[in-house]
Amino acid sequence: ASGIWRNPHVYWDSSTSVNSVHFGVLVPVIVS
């Protein structure tokens, strides 16, 4: 929830056919 809602890290790149049609929300999760 924090990774999605609180200043999310967004990645998108138009240089490749795959990346150009997807955007990623990079969500690091600490597992204890």
PDB file of all heavy atoms in Angstrom:
ATOM      1  N   ALA A   1       0.824  -1.208   0.000  1.00  0.00           N
ATOM      2  CA  ALA A   1       0.000   0.000   0.000  1.00  0.00           C
ATOM      3  C   ALA A   1       0.855   1.253   0.000  1.00  0.00           C
ATOM      4  O   ALA A   1       0.585   2.219  -0.732  1.00  0.00           O
ATOM      5  CB  ALA A   1      -0.930  -0.005   1.215  1.00  0.00           C
ATOM      6  N   SER A   2       1.915   1.238   0.792  1.00  0.00           N
ATOM      7  CA  SER A   2       2.811   2.394   0.849  1.00  0.00           C
ATOM      8  C   SER A   2       3.478   2.622  -0.498  1.00  0.00           C
ATOM      9  O   SER A   2       3.591   3.767  -0.969  1.00  0.00           O
ATOM     10  CB  SER A   2       3.873   2.177   1.932  1.00  0.00           C
ATOM     11  OG  SER A   2       4.777   3.261   1.985  1.00  0.00           O
ATOM     12  N   GLY A   3       3.926   1.532  -1.135  1.00  0.00           N
ATOM     13  CA  GLY A   3       4.604   1.658  -2.424  1.00  0.00           C
ATOM     14  C   GLY A   3       3.703   2.143  -3.534  1.00  0.00           C
ATOM     15  O   GLY A   3       4.158   2.784  -4.489  1.00  0.00           O
ATOM     16  N   ILE A   4       2.409   1.861  -3.426  1.00  0.00           N
ATOM     17  CA  ILE A   4       1.454   2.295  -4.439  1.00  0.00           C
ATOM     18  C   ILE A   4       1.010   3.732  -4.204  1.00  0.00           C
ATOM     19  O   ILE A   4       0.955   4.551  -5.135  1.00  0.00           O
ATOM     20  CB  ILE A   4       0.218   1.367  -4.454  1.00  0.00           C
ATOM     21  CG1 ILE A   4       0.603  -0.077  -4.799  1.00  0.00           C
ATOM     22  CG2 ILE A   4      -0.851   1.903  -5.424  1.00  0.00           C
ATOM     23  CD1 ILE A   4       1.114  -0.281  -6.200  1.00  0.00           C
ATOM     24  N   TRP A   5       0.680   4.067  -2.956  1.00  0.00           N
ATOM     25  CA  TRP A   5       0.012   5.331  -2.660  1.00  0.00           C
ATOM     26  C   TRP A   5       0.944   6.453  -2.233  1.00  0.00           C
ATOM     27  O   TRP A   5       0.601   7.625  -2.386  1.00  0.00           O
ATOM     28  CB  TRP A   5      -1.034   5.121  -1.569  1.00  0.00           C
ATOM     29  CG  TRP A   5      -2.155   4.231  -1.991  1.00  0.00           C
ATOM     30  CD1 TRP A   5      -2.356   2.937  -1.613  1.00  0.00           C
ATOM     31  CD2 TRP A   5      -3.232   4.547  -2.877  1.00  0.00           C
ATOM     32  NE1 TRP A   5      -3.489   2.431  -2.206  1.00  0.00           N
ATOM     33  CE2 TRP A   5      -4.048   3.404  -2.987  1.00  0.00           C
ATOM     34  CE3 TRP A   5      -3.584   5.705  -3.589  1.00  0.00           C
ATOM     35  CZ2 TRP A   5      -5.192   3.375  -3.779  1.00  0.00           C
ATOM     36  CZ3 TRP A   5      -4.726   5.672  -4.369  1.00  0.00           C
ATOM     37  CH2 TRP A   5      -5.512   4.530  -4.460  1.00  0.00           C
ATOM     38  N   ARG A   6       2.093   6.130  -1.679  1.00  0.00           N
ATOM     39  CA  ARG A   6       2.954   7.162  -1.093  1.00  0.00           C
ATOM     40  C   ARG A   6       4.163   7.415  -1.999  1.00  0.00           C
ATOM     41  O   ARG A   6       5.149   6.697  -1.958  1.00  0.00           O
ATOM     42  CB  ARG A   6       3.412   6.726   0.300  1.00  0.00           C
ATOM     43  CG  ARG A   6       4.072   7.826   1.120  1.00  0.00           C
ATOM     44  CD  ARG A   6       4.352   7.337   2.535  1.00  0.00           C
ATOM     45  NE  ARG A   6       3.130   6.914   3.206  1.00  0.00           N
ATOM     46  CZ  ARG A   6       3.113   6.192   4.331  1.00  0.00           C
ATOM     47  NH1 ARG A   6       4.249   5.788   4.872  1.00  0.00           N
ATOM     48  NH2 ARG A   6       1.969   5.866   4.876  1.00  0.00           N
ATOM     49  N   ASN A   7       4.085   8.442  -2.825  1.00  0.00           N
ATOM     50  CA  ASN A   7       5.172   8.798  -3.752  1.00  0.00           C
ATOM     51  C   ASN A   7       5.677   7.576  -4.519  1.00  0.00           C
ATOM     52  O   ASN A   7       6.861   7.204  -4.413  1.00  0.00           O
ATOM     53  CB  ASN A   7       6.328   9.458  -2.999  1.00  0.00           C
ATOM     54  CG  ASN A   7       5.894  10.688  -2.220  1.00  0.00           C
ATOM     55  OD1 ASN A   7       5.978  10.711  -0.997  1.00  0.00           O
ATOM     56  ND2 ASN A   7       5.397  11.692  -2.915  1.00  0.00           N
ATOM     57  N   PRO A   8       4.816   6.928  -5.295  1.00  0.00           N
ATOM     58  CA  PRO A   8       5.209   5.701  -6.004  1.00  0.00           C
ATOM     59  C   PRO A   8       6.318   5.949  -7.025  1.00  0.00           C
ATOM     60  O   PRO A   8       6.410   7.020  -7.618  1.00  0.00           O
ATOM     61  CB  PRO A   8       3.915   5.280  -6.709  1.00  0.00           C
ATOM     62  CG  PRO A   8       3.122   6.542  -6.848  1.00  0.00           C
ATOM     63  CD  PRO A   8       3.435   7.329  -5.614  1.00  0.00           C
ATOM     64  N   HIS A   9       7.152   4.937  -7.200  1.00  0.00           N
ATOM     65  CA  HIS A   9       8.240   4.978  -8.181  1.00  0.00           C
ATOM     66  C   HIS A   9       7.696   4.404  -9.489  1.00  0.00           C
ATOM     67  O   HIS A   9       7.361   3.221  -9.571  1.00  0.00           O
ATOM     68  CB  HIS A   9       9.418   4.149  -7.681  1.00  0.00           C
ATOM     69  CG  HIS A   9      10.609   4.186  -8.586  1.00  0.00           C
ATOM     70  ND1 HIS A   9      11.839   3.664  -8.228  1.00  0.00           N
ATOM     71  CD2 HIS A   9      10.782   4.683  -9.835  1.00  0.00           C
ATOM     72  CE1 HIS A   9      12.692   3.828  -9.223  1.00  0.00           C
ATOM     73  NE2 HIS A   9      12.071   4.439 -10.208  1.00  0.00           N
ATOM     74  N   VAL A  10       7.611   5.245 -10.504  1.00  0.00           N
ATOM     75  CA  VAL A  10       7.040   4.853 -11.786  1.00  0.00           C
ATOM     76  C   VAL A  10       8.133   4.756 -12.836  1.00  0.00           C
ATOM     77  O   VAL A  10       9.021   5.624 -12.917  1.00  0.00           O
ATOM     78  CB  VAL A  10       5.955   5.861 -12.231  1.00  0.00           C
ATOM     79  CG1 VAL A  10       5.513   5.597 -13.664  1.00  0.00           C
ATOM     80  CG2 VAL A  10       4.755   5.784 -11.300  1.00  0.00           C
ATOM     81  N   TYR A  11       8.081   3.685 -13.628  1.00  0.00           N
ATOM     82  CA  TYR A  11       9.051   3.485 -14.712  1.00  0.00           C
ATOM     83  C   TYR A  11       8.315   3.204 -16.016  1.00  0.00           C
ATOM     84  O   TYR A  11       7.410   2.366 -16.074  1.00  0.00           O
ATOM     85  CB  TYR A  11       9.995   2.317 -14.391  1.00  0.00           C
ATOM     86  CG  TYR A  11      10.984   2.048 -15.500  1.00  0.00           C
ATOM     87  CD1 TYR A  11      12.073   2.898 -15.692  1.00  0.00           C
ATOM     88  CD2 TYR A  11      10.826   0.972 -16.369  1.00  0.00           C
ATOM     89  CE1 TYR A  11      12.969   2.670 -16.724  1.00  0.00           C
ATOM     90  CE2 TYR A  11      11.718   0.743 -17.398  1.00  0.00           C
ATOM     91  CZ  TYR A  11      12.793   1.599 -17.571  1.00  0.00           C
ATOM     92  OH  TYR A  11      13.674   1.388 -18.602  1.00  0.00           O
ATOM     93  N   TRP A  12       8.724   3.917 -17.065  1.00  0.00           N
ATOM     94  CA  TRP A  12       8.186   3.699 -18.412  1.00  0.00           C
ATOM     95  C   TRP A  12       9.252   4.121 -19.411  1.00  0.00           C
ATOM     96  O   TRP A  12      10.000   5.070 -19.176  1.00  0.00           O
ATOM     97  CB  TRP A  12       6.911   4.516 -18.633  1.00  0.00           C
ATOM     98  CG  TRP A  12       6.432   4.510 -20.054  1.00  0.00           C
ATOM     99  CD1 TRP A  12       5.733   3.513 -20.676  1.00  0.00           C
ATOM    100  CD2 TRP A  12       6.603   5.534 -21.033  1.00  0.00           C
ATOM    101  NE1 TRP A  12       5.470   3.856 -21.982  1.00  0.00           N
ATOM    102  CE2 TRP A  12       5.997   5.106 -22.223  1.00  0.00           C
ATOM    103  CE3 TRP A  12       7.233   6.784 -21.022  1.00  0.00           C
ATOM    104  CZ2 TRP A  12       5.997   5.864 -23.397  1.00  0.00           C
ATOM    105  CZ3 TRP A  12       7.229   7.546 -22.176  1.00  0.00           C
ATOM    106  CH2 TRP A  12       6.601   7.091 -23.344  1.00  0.00           C
ATOM    107  N   ASP A  13       9.349   3.398 -20.522  1.00  0.00           N
ATOM    108  CA  ASP A  13      10.407   3.670 -21.504  1.00  0.00           C
ATOM    109  C   ASP A  13       9.881   3.343 -22.896  1.00  0.00           C
ATOM    110  O   ASP A  13       9.425   2.225 -23.144  1.00  0.00           O
ATOM    111  CB  ASP A  13      11.630   2.810 -21.168  1.00  0.00           C
ATOM    112  CG  ASP A  13      12.762   2.965 -22.165  1.00  0.00           C
ATOM    113  OD1 ASP A  13      12.743   3.930 -22.951  1.00  0.00           O
ATOM    114  OD2 ASP A  13      13.664   2.110 -22.150  1.00  0.00           O
ATOM    115  N   SER A  14       9.937   4.309 -23.791  1.00  0.00           N
ATOM    116  CA  SER A  14       9.385   4.108 -25.132  1.00  0.00           C
ATOM    117  C   SER A  14      10.368   3.481 -26.107  1.00  0.00           C
ATOM    118  O   SER A  14      10.036   3.274 -27.274  1.00  0.00           O
ATOM    119  CB  SER A  14       8.921   5.458 -25.708  1.00  0.00           C
ATOM    120  OG  SER A  14      10.024   6.328 -25.899  1.00  0.00           O
ATOM    121  N   SER A  15      11.578   3.123 -25.652  1.00  0.00           N
ATOM    122  CA  SER A  15      12.627   2.690 -26.580  1.00  0.00           C
ATOM    123  C   SER A  15      12.474   1.249 -27.059  1.00  0.00           C
ATOM    124  O   SER A  15      13.106   0.851 -28.029  1.00  0.00           O
ATOM    125  CB  SER A  15      14.007   2.869 -25.941  1.00  0.00           C
ATOM    126  OG  SER A  15      14.163   2.000 -24.835  1.00  0.00           O
ATOM    127  N   THR A  16      11.661   0.435 -26.356  1.00  0.00           N
ATOM    128  CA  THR A  16      11.471  -0.951 -26.790  1.00  0.00           C
ATOM    129  C   THR A  16       9.978  -1.234 -26.948  1.00  0.00           C
ATOM    130  O   THR A  16       9.131  -0.565 -26.340  1.00  0.00           O
ATOM    131  CB  THR A  16      12.065  -1.959 -25.791  1.00  0.00           C
ATOM    132  OG1 THR A  16      11.252  -1.990 -24.599  1.00  0.00           O
ATOM    133  CG2 THR A  16      13.493  -1.600 -25.421  1.00  0.00           C
ATOM    134  N   SER A  17       9.670  -2.251 -27.732  1.00  0.00           N
ATOM    135  CA  SER A  17       8.270  -2.578 -27.997  1.00  0.00           C
ATOM    136  C   SER A  17       7.537  -3.024 -26.739  1.00  0.00           C
ATOM    137  O   SER A  17       6.334  -2.776 -26.588  1.00  0.00           O
ATOM    138  CB  SER A  17       8.184  -3.671 -29.070  1.00  0.00           C
ATOM    139  OG  SER A  17       8.843  -4.852 -28.634  1.00  0.00           O
ATOM    140  N   VAL A  18       8.263  -3.688 -25.821  1.00  0.00           N
ATOM    141  CA  VAL A  18       7.637  -4.153 -24.583  1.00  0.00           C
ATOM    142  C   VAL A  18       7.416  -2.988 -23.625  1.00  0.00           C
ATOM    143  O   VAL A  18       6.302  -2.762 -23.134  1.00  0.00           O
ATOM    144  CB  VAL A  18       8.494  -5.236 -23.902  1.00  0.00           C
ATOM    145  CG1 VAL A  18       7.848  -5.671 -22.583  1.00  0.00           C
ATOM    146  CG2 VAL A  18       8.673  -6.433 -24.816  1.00  0.00           C
ATOM    147  N   ASN A  19       8.472  -2.239 -23.349  1.00  0.00           N
ATOM    148  CA  ASN A  19       8.382  -1.171 -22.361  1.00  0.00           C
ATOM    149  C   ASN A  19       7.451  -0.043 -22.790  1.00  0.00           C
ATOM    150  O   ASN A  19       6.858   0.635 -21.948  1.00  0.00           O
ATOM    151  CB  ASN A  19       9.775  -0.602 -22.066  1.00  0.00           C
ATOM    152  CG  ASN A  19      10.636  -1.564 -21.283  1.00  0.00           C
ATOM    153  OD1 ASN A  19      10.140  -2.517 -20.689  1.00  0.00           O
ATOM    154  ND2 ASN A  19      11.935  -1.339 -21.279  1.00  0.00           N
ATOM    155  N   SER A  20       7.312   0.159 -24.087  1.00  0.00           N
ATOM    156  CA  SER A  20       6.513   1.282 -24.560  1.00  0.00           C
ATOM    157  C   SER A  20       5.023   1.119 -24.264  1.00  0.00           C
ATOM    158  O   SER A  20       4.282   2.105 -24.235  1.00  0.00           O
ATOM    159  CB  SER A  20       6.720   1.491 -26.065  1.00  0.00           C
ATOM    160  OG  SER A  20       6.251   0.375 -26.804  1.00  0.00           O
ATOM    161  N   VAL A  21       4.562  -0.106 -24.042  1.00  0.00           N
ATOM    162  CA  VAL A  21       3.132  -0.323 -23.818  1.00  0.00           C
ATOM    163  C   VAL A  21       2.821  -0.774 -22.386  1.00  0.00           C
ATOM    164  O   VAL A  21       1.717  -1.228 -22.090  1.00  0.00           O
ATOM    165  CB  VAL A  21       2.553  -1.340 -24.836  1.00  0.00           C
ATOM    166  CG1 VAL A  21       2.592  -0.758 -26.239  1.00  0.00           C
ATOM    167  CG2 VAL A  21       3.286  -2.669 -24.773  1.00  0.00           C
ATOM    168  N   HIS A  22       3.792  -0.663 -21.491  1.00  0.00           N
ATOM    169  CA  HIS A  22       3.594  -0.969 -20.078  1.00  0.00           C
ATOM    170  C   HIS A  22       4.231   0.130 -19.233  1.00  0.00           C
ATOM    171  O   HIS A  22       5.261   0.680 -19.618  1.00  0.00           O
ATOM    172  CB  HIS A  22       4.254  -2.295 -19.677  1.00  0.00           C
ATOM    173  CG  HIS A  22       3.807  -3.486 -20.452  1.00  0.00           C
ATOM    174  ND1 HIS A  22       4.342  -3.823 -21.685  1.00  0.00           N
ATOM    175  CD2 HIS A  22       2.875  -4.424 -20.182  1.00  0.00           C
ATOM    176  CE1 HIS A  22       3.759  -4.925 -22.138  1.00  0.00           C
ATOM    177  NE2 HIS A  22       2.864  -5.311 -21.238  1.00  0.00           N
ATOM    178  N   PHE A  23       3.635   0.425 -18.093  1.00  0.00           N
ATOM    179  CA  PHE A  23       4.369   1.209 -17.103  1.00  0.00           C
ATOM    180  C   PHE A  23       4.383   0.453 -15.789  1.00  0.00           C
ATOM    181  O   PHE A  23       3.382  -0.152 -15.386  1.00  0.00           O
ATOM    182  CB  PHE A  23       3.832   2.638 -16.956  1.00  0.00           C
ATOM    183  CG  PHE A  23       2.551   2.806 -16.178  1.00  0.00           C
ATOM    184  CD1 PHE A  23       2.572   2.941 -14.789  1.00  0.00           C
ATOM    185  CD2 PHE A  23       1.325   2.886 -16.827  1.00  0.00           C
ATOM    186  CE1 PHE A  23       1.401   3.132 -14.068  1.00  0.00           C
ATOM    187  CE2 PHE A  23       0.150   3.074 -16.123  1.00  0.00           C
ATOM    188  CZ  PHE A  23       0.179   3.193 -14.734  1.00  0.00           C
ATOM    189  N   GLY A  24       5.537   0.454 -15.160  1.00  0.00           N
ATOM    190  CA  GLY A  24       5.708  -0.281 -13.920  1.00  0.00           C
ATOM    191  C   GLY A  24       5.651   0.627 -12.719  1.00  0.00           C
ATOM    192  O   GLY A  24       6.140   1.761 -12.759  1.00  0.00           O
ATOM    193  N   VAL A  25       5.049   0.129 -11.655  1.00  0.00           N
ATOM    194  CA  VAL A  25       5.111   0.787 -10.355  1.00  0.00           C
ATOM    195  C   VAL A  25       6.022  -0.082  -9.502  1.00  0.00           C
ATOM    196  O   VAL A  25       5.662  -1.215  -9.146  1.00  0.00           O
ATOM    197  CB  VAL A  25       3.724   0.909  -9.708  1.00  0.00           C
ATOM    198  CG1 VAL A  25       3.815   1.735  -8.430  1.00  0.00           C
ATOM    199  CG2 VAL A  25       2.737   1.531 -10.678  1.00  0.00           C
ATOM    200  N   LEU A  26       7.224   0.399  -9.248  1.00  0.00           N
ATOM    201  CA  LEU A  26       8.241  -0.397  -8.567  1.00  0.00           C
ATOM    202  C   LEU A  26       7.999  -0.348  -7.058  1.00  0.00           C
ATOM    203  O   LEU A  26       8.099   0.712  -6.443  1.00  0.00           O
ATOM    204  CB  LEU A  26       9.638   0.120  -8.917  1.00  0.00           C
ATOM    205  CG  LEU A  26       9.924   0.309 -10.417  1.00  0.00           C
ATOM    206  CD1 LEU A  26      11.385   0.714 -10.627  1.00  0.00           C
ATOM    207  CD2 LEU A  26       9.604  -0.954 -11.210  1.00  0.00           C
ATOM    208  N   VAL A  27       7.664  -1.500  -6.487  1.00  0.00           N
ATOM    209  CA  VAL A  27       7.235  -1.566  -5.088  1.00  0.00           C
ATOM    210  C   VAL A  27       8.177  -2.464  -4.296  1.00  0.00           C
ATOM    211  O   VAL A  27       8.043  -3.701  -4.326  1.00  0.00           O
ATOM    212  CB  VAL A  27       5.793  -2.104  -4.981  1.00  0.00           C
ATOM    213  CG1 VAL A  27       5.331  -2.082  -3.527  1.00  0.00           C
ATOM    214  CG2 VAL A  27       4.844  -1.292  -5.857  1.00  0.00           C
ATOM    215  N   PRO A  28       9.158  -1.899  -3.575  1.00  0.00           N
ATOM    216  CA  PRO A  28      10.013  -2.730  -2.721  1.00  0.00           C
ATOM    217  C   PRO A  28       9.288  -3.083  -1.424  1.00  0.00           C
ATOM    218  O   PRO A  28       8.685  -2.223  -0.782  1.00  0.00           O
ATOM    219  CB  PRO A  28      11.222  -1.825  -2.452  1.00  0.00           C
ATOM    220  CG  PRO A  28      10.684  -0.426  -2.571  1.00  0.00           C
ATOM    221  CD  PRO A  28       9.558  -0.483  -3.569  1.00  0.00           C
ATOM    222  N   VAL A  29       9.314  -4.356  -1.064  1.00  0.00           N
ATOM    223  CA  VAL A  29       8.620  -4.843   0.126  1.00  0.00           C
ATOM    224  C   VAL A  29       9.635  -5.515   1.043  1.00  0.00           C
ATOM    225  O   VAL A  29      10.284  -6.496   0.652  1.00  0.00           O
ATOM    226  CB  VAL A  29       7.507  -5.835  -0.253  1.00  0.00           C
ATOM    227  CG1 VAL A  29       6.949  -6.522   0.990  1.00  0.00           C
ATOM    228  CG2 VAL A  29       6.389  -5.118  -1.006  1.00  0.00           C
ATOM    229  N   ILE A  30       9.773  -4.988   2.247  1.00  0.00           N
ATOM    230  CA  ILE A  30      10.679  -5.590   3.225  1.00  0.00           C
ATOM    231  C   ILE A  30       9.971  -6.753   3.906  1.00  0.00           C
ATOM    232  O   ILE A  30       8.870  -6.606   4.437  1.00  0.00           O
ATOM    233  CB  ILE A  30      11.136  -4.553   4.269  1.00  0.00           C
ATOM    234  CG1 ILE A  30      11.914  -3.424   3.584  1.00  0.00           C
ATOM    235  CG2 ILE A  30      11.988  -5.213   5.349  1.00  0.00           C
ATOM    236  CD1 ILE A  30      12.291  -2.290   4.516  1.00  0.00           C
ATOM    237  N   VAL A  31      10.595  -7.916   3.867  1.00  0.00           N
ATOM    238  CA  VAL A  31      10.027  -9.136   4.445  1.00  0.00           C
ATOM    239  C   VAL A  31      10.806  -9.482   5.709  1.00  0.00           C
ATOM    240  O   VAL A  31      12.028  -9.639   5.672  1.00  0.00           O
ATOM    241  CB  VAL A  31      10.106 -10.300   3.438  1.00  0.00           C
ATOM    242  CG1 VAL A  31       9.588 -11.584   4.069  1.00  0.00           C
ATOM    243  CG2 VAL A  31       9.323  -9.966   2.172  1.00  0.00           C
ATOM    244  N   SER A  32      10.104  -9.609   6.813  1.00  0.00           N
ATOM    245  CA  SER A  32      10.778  -9.936   8.073  1.00  0.00           C
ATOM    246  C   SER A  32      10.387 -11.309   8.596  1.00  0.00           C
ATOM    247  O   SER A  32      10.855 -11.721   9.658  1.00  0.00           O
ATOM    248  CB  SER A  32      10.467  -8.869   9.130  1.00  0.00           C
ATOM    249  OG  SER A  32       9.077  -8.787   9.374  1.00  0.00           O
TER     250      SER A  32
END
